[in-house]
PDB file of all heavy atoms in Angstrom:
ATOM      1  N   ALA A   1     -23.997 -27.371 -28.554  1.00  0.00           N
ATOM      2  CA  ALA A   1     -23.396 -27.800 -29.815  1.00  0.00           C
ATOM      3  C   ALA A   1     -24.274 -27.459 -31.013  1.00  0.00           C
ATOM      4  O   ALA A   1     -23.764 -27.225 -32.103  1.00  0.00           O
ATOM      5  CB  ALA A   1     -23.125 -29.301 -29.771  1.00  0.00           C
ATOM      6  N   SER A   2     -25.587 -27.421 -30.832  1.00  0.00           N
ATOM      7  CA  SER A   2     -26.489 -27.182 -31.956  1.00  0.00           C
ATOM      8  C   SER A   2     -26.739 -25.698 -32.216  1.00  0.00           C
ATOM      9  O   SER A   2     -27.514 -25.350 -33.088  1.00  0.00           O
ATOM     10  CB  SER A   2     -27.817 -27.898 -31.702  1.00  0.00           C
ATOM     11  OG  SER A   2     -28.454 -27.339 -30.573  1.00  0.00           O
ATOM     12  N   VAL A   3     -26.064 -24.831 -31.489  1.00  0.00           N
ATOM     13  CA  VAL A   3     -26.254 -23.388 -31.617  1.00  0.00           C
ATOM     14  C   VAL A   3     -25.048 -22.777 -32.324  1.00  0.00           C
ATOM     15  O   VAL A   3     -23.912 -23.161 -32.065  1.00  0.00           O
ATOM     16  CB  VAL A   3     -26.427 -22.747 -30.215  1.00  0.00           C
ATOM     17  CG1 VAL A   3     -26.466 -21.238 -30.304  1.00  0.00           C
ATOM     18  CG2 VAL A   3     -27.672 -23.282 -29.537  1.00  0.00           C
ATOM     19  N   ASN A   4     -25.293 -21.835 -33.223  1.00  0.00           N
ATOM     20  CA  ASN A   4     -24.198 -21.078 -33.832  1.00  0.00           C
ATOM     21  C   ASN A   4     -23.852 -19.931 -32.905  1.00  0.00           C
ATOM     22  O   ASN A   4     -24.649 -19.007 -32.729  1.00  0.00           O
ATOM     23  CB  ASN A   4     -24.604 -20.529 -35.209  1.00  0.00           C
ATOM     24  CG  ASN A   4     -24.611 -21.586 -36.269  1.00  0.00           C
ATOM     25  OD1 ASN A   4     -23.833 -22.528 -36.207  1.00  0.00           O
ATOM     26  ND2 ASN A   4     -25.480 -21.452 -37.232  1.00  0.00           N
ATOM     27  N   TRP A   5     -22.665 -20.001 -32.308  1.00  0.00           N
ATOM     28  CA  TRP A   5     -22.213 -18.995 -31.362  1.00  0.00           C
ATOM     29  C   TRP A   5     -21.431 -17.919 -32.085  1.00  0.00           C
ATOM     30  O   TRP A   5     -20.745 -18.187 -33.066  1.00  0.00           O
ATOM     31  CB  TRP A   5     -21.322 -19.637 -30.299  1.00  0.00           C
ATOM     32  CG  TRP A   5     -22.062 -20.601 -29.444  1.00  0.00           C
ATOM     33  CD1 TRP A   5     -22.168 -21.946 -29.622  1.00  0.00           C
ATOM     34  CD2 TRP A   5     -22.828 -20.283 -28.287  1.00  0.00           C
ATOM     35  NE1 TRP A   5     -22.945 -22.494 -28.635  1.00  0.00           N
ATOM     36  CE2 TRP A   5     -23.365 -21.498 -27.804  1.00  0.00           C
ATOM     37  CE3 TRP A   5     -23.101 -19.105 -27.602  1.00  0.00           C
ATOM     38  CZ2 TRP A   5     -24.160 -21.559 -26.660  1.00  0.00           C
ATOM     39  CZ3 TRP A   5     -23.891 -19.164 -26.473  1.00  0.00           C
ATOM     40  CH2 TRP A   5     -24.412 -20.381 -26.009  1.00  0.00           C
ATOM     41  N   ARG A   6     -21.511 -16.685 -31.562  1.00  0.00           N
ATOM     42  CA  ARG A   6     -20.702 -15.606 -32.126  1.00  0.00           C
ATOM     43  C   ARG A   6     -20.273 -14.653 -31.024  1.00  0.00           C
ATOM     44  O   ARG A   6     -20.966 -14.487 -30.026  1.00  0.00           O
ATOM     45  CB  ARG A   6     -21.437 -14.871 -33.226  1.00  0.00           C
ATOM     46  CG  ARG A   6     -22.602 -14.026 -32.784  1.00  0.00           C
ATOM     47  CD  ARG A   6     -23.152 -13.233 -33.956  1.00  0.00           C
ATOM     48  NE  ARG A   6     -23.936 -12.100 -33.567  1.00  0.00           N
ATOM     49  CZ  ARG A   6     -23.480 -10.931 -33.145  1.00  0.00           C
ATOM     50  NH1 ARG A   6     -22.194 -10.734 -33.006  1.00  0.00           N
ATOM     51  NH2 ARG A   6     -24.287  -9.944 -32.843  1.00  0.00           N
ATOM     52  N   LYS A   7     -19.118 -14.058 -31.234  1.00  0.00           N
ATOM     53  CA  LYS A   7     -18.618 -13.017 -30.329  1.00  0.00           C
ATOM     54  C   LYS A   7     -18.954 -11.664 -30.917  1.00  0.00           C
ATOM     55  O   LYS A   7     -19.116 -11.516 -32.129  1.00  0.00           O
ATOM     56  CB  LYS A   7     -17.098 -13.116 -30.182  1.00  0.00           C
ATOM     57  CG  LYS A   7     -16.644 -14.185 -29.244  1.00  0.00           C
ATOM     58  CD  LYS A   7     -15.195 -13.996 -28.895  1.00  0.00           C
ATOM     59  CE  LYS A   7     -14.346 -14.946 -29.668  1.00  0.00           C
ATOM     60  NZ  LYS A   7     -12.940 -14.878 -29.297  1.00  0.00           N
ATOM     61  N   SER A   8     -18.991 -10.678 -30.072  1.00  0.00           N
ATOM     62  CA  SER A   8     -19.259  -9.322 -30.514  1.00  0.00           C
ATOM     63  C   SER A   8     -18.202  -8.857 -31.500  1.00  0.00           C
ATOM     64  O   SER A   8     -17.023  -9.188 -31.362  1.00  0.00           O
ATOM     65  CB  SER A   8     -19.266  -8.377 -29.305  1.00  0.00           C
ATOM     66  OG  SER A   8     -19.280  -7.031 -29.737  1.00  0.00           O
ATOM     67  N   THR A   9     -18.621  -8.066 -32.453  1.00  0.00           N
ATOM     68  CA  THR A   9     -17.655  -7.467 -33.385  1.00  0.00           C
ATOM     69  C   THR A   9     -16.789  -6.446 -32.669  1.00  0.00           C
ATOM     70  O   THR A   9     -15.753  -6.044 -33.166  1.00  0.00           O
ATOM     71  CB  THR A   9     -18.371  -6.789 -34.566  1.00  0.00           C
ATOM     72  OG1 THR A   9     -19.298  -5.823 -34.054  1.00  0.00           O
ATOM     73  CG2 THR A   9     -19.107  -7.812 -35.415  1.00  0.00           C
ATOM     74  N   ARG A  10     -17.187  -6.036 -31.478  1.00  0.00           N
ATOM     75  CA  ARG A  10     -16.410  -5.092 -30.679  1.00  0.00           C
ATOM     76  C   ARG A  10     -15.437  -5.788 -29.728  1.00  0.00           C
ATOM     77  O   ARG A  10     -14.749  -5.141 -28.958  1.00  0.00           O
ATOM     78  CB  ARG A  10     -17.344  -4.184 -29.885  1.00  0.00           C
ATOM     79  CG  ARG A  10     -18.175  -3.311 -30.793  1.00  0.00           C
ATOM     80  CD  ARG A  10     -19.067  -2.407 -29.988  1.00  0.00           C
ATOM     81  NE  ARG A  10     -19.925  -1.637 -30.839  1.00  0.00           N
ATOM     82  CZ  ARG A  10     -19.721  -0.369 -31.151  1.00  0.00           C
ATOM     83  NH1 ARG A  10     -18.669   0.267 -30.683  1.00  0.00           N
ATOM     84  NH2 ARG A  10     -20.553   0.280 -31.906  1.00  0.00           N
ATOM     85  N   SER A  11     -15.387  -7.095 -29.794  1.00  0.00           N
ATOM     86  CA  SER A  11     -14.475  -7.857 -28.942  1.00  0.00           C
ATOM     87  C   SER A  11     -13.033  -7.522 -29.299  1.00  0.00           C
ATOM     88  O   SER A  11     -12.661  -7.481 -30.466  1.00  0.00           O
ATOM     89  CB  SER A  11     -14.714  -9.352 -29.148  1.00  0.00           C
ATOM     90  OG  SER A  11     -13.753 -10.098 -28.471  1.00  0.00           O
ATOM     91  N   THR A  12     -12.225  -7.290 -28.280  1.00  0.00           N
ATOM     92  CA  THR A  12     -10.832  -6.916 -28.509  1.00  0.00           C
ATOM     93  C   THR A  12      -9.882  -8.103 -28.454  1.00  0.00           C
ATOM     94  O   THR A  12      -8.691  -7.949 -28.643  1.00  0.00           O
ATOM     95  CB  THR A  12     -10.366  -5.882 -27.472  1.00  0.00           C
ATOM     96  OG1 THR A  12     -10.471  -6.471 -26.169  1.00  0.00           O
ATOM     97  CG2 THR A  12     -11.197  -4.610 -27.548  1.00  0.00           C
ATOM     98  N   GLY A  13     -10.385  -9.284 -28.159  1.00  0.00           N
ATOM     99  CA  GLY A  13      -9.534 -10.450 -28.094  1.00  0.00           C
ATOM    100  C   GLY A  13      -8.789 -10.593 -26.786  1.00  0.00           C
ATOM    101  O   GLY A  13      -7.934 -11.448 -26.638  1.00  0.00           O
ATOM    102  N   GLY A  14      -9.115  -9.762 -25.799  1.00  0.00           N
ATOM    103  CA  GLY A  14      -8.440  -9.827 -24.512  1.00  0.00           C
ATOM    104  C   GLY A  14      -8.978 -10.896 -23.583  1.00  0.00           C
ATOM    105  O   GLY A  14      -8.495 -11.045 -22.472  1.00  0.00           O
ATOM    106  N   GLY A  15      -9.959 -11.647 -24.024  1.00  0.00           N
ATOM    107  CA  GLY A  15     -10.504 -12.720 -23.216  1.00  0.00           C
ATOM    108  C   GLY A  15     -11.656 -12.324 -22.321  1.00  0.00           C
ATOM    109  O   GLY A  15     -12.200 -13.153 -21.604  1.00  0.00           O
ATOM    110  N   ASN A  16     -12.045 -11.065 -22.326  1.00  0.00           N
ATOM    111  CA  ASN A  16     -13.172 -10.613 -21.505  1.00  0.00           C
ATOM    112  C   ASN A  16     -14.419 -10.496 -22.362  1.00  0.00           C
ATOM    113  O   ASN A  16     -15.011  -9.432 -22.481  1.00  0.00           O
ATOM    114  CB  ASN A  16     -12.849  -9.262 -20.847  1.00  0.00           C
ATOM    115  CG  ASN A  16     -11.717  -9.383 -19.870  1.00  0.00           C
ATOM    116  OD1 ASN A  16     -11.597 -10.382 -19.180  1.00  0.00           O
ATOM    117  ND2 ASN A  16     -10.868  -8.383 -19.820  1.00  0.00           N
ATOM    118  N   CYS A  17     -14.790 -11.593 -22.956  1.00  0.00           N
ATOM    119  CA  CYS A  17     -15.890 -11.572 -23.913  1.00  0.00           C
ATOM    120  C   CYS A  17     -16.960 -12.577 -23.531  1.00  0.00           C
ATOM    121  O   CYS A  17     -16.712 -13.533 -22.807  1.00  0.00           O
ATOM    122  CB  CYS A  17     -15.391 -11.945 -25.303  1.00  0.00           C
ATOM    123  SG  CYS A  17     -14.055 -10.928 -25.896  1.00  0.00           S
ATOM    124  N   VAL A  18     -18.129 -12.341 -24.041  1.00  0.00           N
ATOM    125  CA  VAL A  18     -19.188 -13.330 -23.983  1.00  0.00           C
ATOM    126  C   VAL A  18     -19.562 -13.693 -25.414  1.00  0.00           C
ATOM    127  O   VAL A  18     -19.277 -12.954 -26.350  1.00  0.00           O
ATOM    128  CB  VAL A  18     -20.435 -12.826 -23.214  1.00  0.00           C
ATOM    129  CG1 VAL A  18     -20.115 -12.587 -21.754  1.00  0.00           C
ATOM    130  CG2 VAL A  18     -21.025 -11.596 -23.850  1.00  0.00           C
ATOM    131  N   GLU A  19     -20.148 -14.847 -25.555  1.00  0.00           N
ATOM    132  CA  GLU A  19     -20.643 -15.294 -26.850  1.00  0.00           C
ATOM    133  C   GLU A  19     -22.154 -15.399 -26.763  1.00  0.00           C
ATOM    134  O   GLU A  19     -22.709 -15.724 -25.715  1.00  0.00           O
ATOM    135  CB  GLU A  19     -20.054 -16.662 -27.203  1.00  0.00           C
ATOM    136  CG  GLU A  19     -18.562 -16.630 -27.381  1.00  0.00           C
ATOM    137  CD  GLU A  19     -17.953 -17.990 -27.605  1.00  0.00           C
ATOM    138  OE1 GLU A  19     -18.437 -18.976 -27.021  1.00  0.00           O
ATOM    139  OE2 GLU A  19     -16.991 -18.064 -28.357  1.00  0.00           O
ATOM    140  N   VAL A  20     -22.803 -15.137 -27.871  1.00  0.00           N
ATOM    141  CA  VAL A  20     -24.258 -15.190 -27.945  1.00  0.00           C
ATOM    142  C   VAL A  20     -24.639 -16.225 -28.983  1.00  0.00           C
ATOM    143  O   VAL A  20     -24.046 -16.295 -30.059  1.00  0.00           O
ATOM    144  CB  VAL A  20     -24.840 -13.814 -28.330  1.00  0.00           C
ATOM    145  CG1 VAL A  20     -26.345 -13.884 -28.465  1.00  0.00           C
ATOM    146  CG2 VAL A  20     -24.444 -12.759 -27.325  1.00  0.00           C
ATOM    147  N   GLY A  21     -25.617 -17.036 -28.648  1.00  0.00           N
ATOM    148  CA  GLY A  21     -26.136 -18.033 -29.572  1.00  0.00           C
ATOM    149  C   GLY A  21     -27.642 -17.920 -29.650  1.00  0.00           C
ATOM    150  O   GLY A  21     -28.321 -17.719 -28.639  1.00  0.00           O
ATOM    151  N   PHE A  22     -28.158 -18.023 -30.850  1.00  0.00           N
ATOM    152  CA  PHE A  22     -29.600 -17.908 -31.048  1.00  0.00           C
ATOM    153  C   PHE A  22     -30.170 -19.280 -31.351  1.00  0.00           C
ATOM    154  O   PHE A  22     -29.853 -19.880 -32.368  1.00  0.00           O
ATOM    155  CB  PHE A  22     -29.895 -16.925 -32.180  1.00  0.00           C
ATOM    156  CG  PHE A  22     -29.428 -15.532 -31.867  1.00  0.00           C
ATOM    157  CD1 PHE A  22     -28.175 -15.096 -32.253  1.00  0.00           C
ATOM    158  CD2 PHE A  22     -30.236 -14.674 -31.149  1.00  0.00           C
ATOM    159  CE1 PHE A  22     -27.727 -13.824 -31.941  1.00  0.00           C
ATOM    160  CE2 PHE A  22     -29.806 -13.389 -30.833  1.00  0.00           C
ATOM    161  CZ  PHE A  22     -28.551 -12.969 -31.240  1.00  0.00           C
ATOM    162  N   ALA A  23     -30.985 -19.778 -30.430  1.00  0.00           N
ATOM    163  CA  ALA A  23     -31.667 -21.052 -30.600  1.00  0.00           C
ATOM    164  C   ALA A  23     -33.078 -20.768 -31.118  1.00  0.00           C
ATOM    165  O   ALA A  23     -33.434 -19.622 -31.362  1.00  0.00           O
ATOM    166  CB  ALA A  23     -31.704 -21.808 -29.280  1.00  0.00           C
ATOM    167  N   THR A  24     -33.885 -21.788 -31.229  1.00  0.00           N
ATOM    168  CA  THR A  24     -35.222 -21.642 -31.802  1.00  0.00           C
ATOM    169  C   THR A  24     -36.050 -20.568 -31.101  1.00  0.00           C
ATOM    170  O   THR A  24     -36.586 -19.681 -31.738  1.00  0.00           O
ATOM    171  CB  THR A  24     -35.967 -22.988 -31.755  1.00  0.00           C
ATOM    172  OG1 THR A  24     -35.185 -23.955 -32.437  1.00  0.00           O
ATOM    173  CG2 THR A  24     -37.322 -22.880 -32.411  1.00  0.00           C
ATOM    174  N   SER A  25     -36.145 -20.631 -29.787  1.00  0.00           N
ATOM    175  CA  SER A  25     -36.979 -19.657 -29.077  1.00  0.00           C
ATOM    176  C   SER A  25     -36.251 -19.065 -27.874  1.00  0.00           C
ATOM    177  O   SER A  25     -36.879 -18.544 -26.960  1.00  0.00           O
ATOM    178  CB  SER A  25     -38.277 -20.326 -28.609  1.00  0.00           C
ATOM    179  OG  SER A  25     -37.971 -21.386 -27.728  1.00  0.00           O
ATOM    180  N   THR A  26     -34.913 -19.138 -27.889  1.00  0.00           N
ATOM    181  CA  THR A  26     -34.119 -18.697 -26.758  1.00  0.00           C
ATOM    182  C   THR A  26     -32.835 -18.046 -27.245  1.00  0.00           C
ATOM    183  O   THR A  26     -32.267 -18.458 -28.259  1.00  0.00           O
ATOM    184  CB  THR A  26     -33.743 -19.900 -25.867  1.00  0.00           C
ATOM    185  OG1 THR A  26     -34.922 -20.609 -25.528  1.00  0.00           O
ATOM    186  CG2 THR A  26     -33.029 -19.484 -24.619  1.00  0.00           C
ATOM    187  N   VAL A  27     -32.373 -17.055 -26.531  1.00  0.00           N
ATOM    188  CA  VAL A  27     -31.066 -16.465 -26.769  1.00  0.00           C
ATOM    189  C   VAL A  27     -30.171 -16.921 -25.619  1.00  0.00           C
ATOM    190  O   VAL A  27     -30.529 -16.767 -24.448  1.00  0.00           O
ATOM    191  CB  VAL A  27     -31.135 -14.926 -26.826  1.00  0.00           C
ATOM    192  CG1 VAL A  27     -29.749 -14.343 -27.056  1.00  0.00           C
ATOM    193  CG2 VAL A  27     -32.103 -14.471 -27.909  1.00  0.00           C
ATOM    194  N   LEU A  28     -29.037 -17.514 -25.960  1.00  0.00           N
ATOM    195  CA  LEU A  28     -28.117 -18.045 -24.960  1.00  0.00           C
ATOM    196  C   LEU A  28     -26.871 -17.181 -24.895  1.00  0.00           C
ATOM    197  O   LEU A  28     -26.382 -16.710 -25.924  1.00  0.00           O
ATOM    198  CB  LEU A  28     -27.734 -19.482 -25.318  1.00  0.00           C
ATOM    199  CG  LEU A  28     -28.898 -20.457 -25.469  1.00  0.00           C
ATOM    200  CD1 LEU A  28     -28.414 -21.768 -26.072  1.00  0.00           C
ATOM    201  CD2 LEU A  28     -29.560 -20.690 -24.128  1.00  0.00           C
ATOM    202  N   VAL A  29     -26.341 -16.998 -23.695  1.00  0.00           N
ATOM    203  CA  VAL A  29     -25.133 -16.211 -23.490  1.00  0.00           C
ATOM    204  C   VAL A  29     -24.183 -17.051 -22.648  1.00  0.00           C
ATOM    205  O   VAL A  29     -24.602 -17.669 -21.657  1.00  0.00           O
ATOM    206  CB  VAL A  29     -25.438 -14.878 -22.762  1.00  0.00           C
ATOM    207  CG1 VAL A  29     -24.174 -14.053 -22.594  1.00  0.00           C
ATOM    208  CG2 VAL A  29     -26.500 -14.087 -23.515  1.00  0.00           C
ATOM    209  N   ARG A  30     -22.902 -17.097 -23.041  1.00  0.00           N
ATOM    210  CA  ARG A  30     -21.901 -17.833 -22.267  1.00  0.00           C
ATOM    211  C   ARG A  30     -20.592 -17.068 -22.251  1.00  0.00           C
ATOM    212  O   ARG A  30     -20.331 -16.220 -23.103  1.00  0.00           O
ATOM    213  CB  ARG A  30     -21.689 -19.239 -22.830  1.00  0.00           C
ATOM    214  CG  ARG A  30     -21.022 -19.261 -24.191  1.00  0.00           C
ATOM    215  CD  ARG A  30     -20.856 -20.665 -24.710  1.00  0.00           C
ATOM    216  NE  ARG A  30     -20.205 -20.645 -26.026  1.00  0.00           N
ATOM    217  CZ  ARG A  30     -20.042 -21.706 -26.782  1.00  0.00           C
ATOM    218  NH1 ARG A  30     -20.487 -22.884 -26.377  1.00  0.00           N
ATOM    219  NH2 ARG A  30     -19.444 -21.610 -27.951  1.00  0.00           N
ATOM    220  N   ASP A  31     -19.761 -17.384 -21.277  1.00  0.00           N
ATOM    221  CA  ASP A  31     -18.436 -16.794 -21.130  1.00  0.00           C
ATOM    222  C   ASP A  31     -17.488 -17.462 -22.123  1.00  0.00           C
ATOM    223  O   ASP A  31     -17.392 -18.686 -22.167  1.00  0.00           O
ATOM    224  CB  ASP A  31     -17.944 -17.010 -19.700  1.00  0.00           C
ATOM    225  CG  ASP A  31     -16.622 -16.335 -19.387  1.00  0.00           C
ATOM    226  OD1 ASP A  31     -15.854 -16.014 -20.319  1.00  0.00           O
ATOM    227  OD2 ASP A  31     -16.352 -16.139 -18.194  1.00  0.00           O
ATOM    228  N   THR A  32     -16.771 -16.673 -22.904  1.00  0.00           N
ATOM    229  CA  THR A  32     -15.855 -17.216 -23.897  1.00  0.00           C
ATOM    230  C   THR A  32     -14.768 -18.072 -23.253  1.00  0.00           C
ATOM    231  O   THR A  32     -14.378 -19.093 -23.794  1.00  0.00           O
ATOM    232  CB  THR A  32     -15.207 -16.067 -24.707  1.00  0.00           C
ATOM    233  OG1 THR A  32     -16.239 -15.344 -25.359  1.00  0.00           O
ATOM    234  CG2 THR A  32     -14.242 -16.585 -25.750  1.00  0.00           C
ATOM    235  N   LYS A  33     -14.278 -17.665 -22.083  1.00  0.00           N
ATOM    236  CA  LYS A  33     -13.192 -18.390 -21.421  1.00  0.00           C
ATOM    237  C   LYS A  33     -13.676 -19.631 -20.685  1.00  0.00           C
ATOM    238  O   LYS A  33     -12.872 -20.511 -20.396  1.00  0.00           O
ATOM    239  CB  LYS A  33     -12.463 -17.482 -20.421  1.00  0.00           C
ATOM    240  CG  LYS A  33     -11.724 -16.333 -21.067  1.00  0.00           C
ATOM    241  CD  LYS A  33     -10.977 -15.528 -20.030  1.00  0.00           C
ATOM    242  CE  LYS A  33     -11.968 -14.805 -19.146  1.00  0.00           C
ATOM    243  NZ  LYS A  33     -11.377 -13.860 -18.203  1.00  0.00           N
ATOM    244  N   ALA A  34     -14.943 -19.705 -20.366  1.00  0.00           N
ATOM    245  CA  ALA A  34     -15.475 -20.835 -19.594  1.00  0.00           C
ATOM    246  C   ALA A  34     -16.747 -21.347 -20.251  1.00  0.00           C
ATOM    247  O   ALA A  34     -17.834 -21.300 -19.671  1.00  0.00           O
ATOM    248  CB  ALA A  34     -15.738 -20.408 -18.157  1.00  0.00           C
ATOM    249  N   ARG A  35     -16.619 -21.837 -21.444  1.00  0.00           N
ATOM    250  CA  ARG A  35     -17.785 -22.248 -22.228  1.00  0.00           C
ATOM    251  C   ARG A  35     -18.594 -23.348 -21.565  1.00  0.00           C
ATOM    252  O   ARG A  35     -19.785 -23.464 -21.792  1.00  0.00           O
ATOM    253  CB  ARG A  35     -17.334 -22.683 -23.622  1.00  0.00           C
ATOM    254  CG  ARG A  35     -16.826 -21.516 -24.425  1.00  0.00           C
ATOM    255  CD  ARG A  35     -16.358 -21.941 -25.793  1.00  0.00           C
ATOM    256  NE  ARG A  35     -16.012 -20.761 -26.557  1.00  0.00           N
ATOM    257  CZ  ARG A  35     -15.015 -20.722 -27.415  1.00  0.00           C
ATOM    258  NH1 ARG A  35     -14.280 -21.792 -27.628  1.00  0.00           N
ATOM    259  NH2 ARG A  35     -14.751 -19.610 -28.072  1.00  0.00           N
ATOM    260  N   GLU A  36     -17.950 -24.178 -20.768  1.00  0.00           N
ATOM    261  CA  GLU A  36     -18.643 -25.265 -20.082  1.00  0.00           C
ATOM    262  C   GLU A  36     -19.237 -24.807 -18.752  1.00  0.00           C
ATOM    263  O   GLU A  36     -19.882 -25.572 -18.058  1.00  0.00           O
ATOM    264  CB  GLU A  36     -17.681 -26.427 -19.845  1.00  0.00           C
ATOM    265  CG  GLU A  36     -17.084 -27.003 -21.119  1.00  0.00           C
ATOM    266  CD  GLU A  36     -18.115 -27.603 -22.054  1.00  0.00           C
ATOM    267  OE1 GLU A  36     -19.130 -28.154 -21.560  1.00  0.00           O
ATOM    268  OE2 GLU A  36     -17.932 -27.532 -23.271  1.00  0.00           O
ATOM    269  N   GLY A  37     -18.993 -23.559 -18.363  1.00  0.00           N
ATOM    270  CA  GLY A  37     -19.375 -23.069 -17.048  1.00  0.00           C
ATOM    271  C   GLY A  37     -20.833 -22.753 -16.853  1.00  0.00           C
ATOM    272  O   GLY A  37     -21.254 -22.466 -15.746  1.00  0.00           O
TER     273      GLY A  37
END
């Protein structure tokens, strides 16, 4: 919740995307369709 997540500008909206969030000292990656996964 405390991370600003973003999708790639190359995302086509088909649901096969990942999101990237930049935390203080870590880069986080999650599945757009399964954010809680």
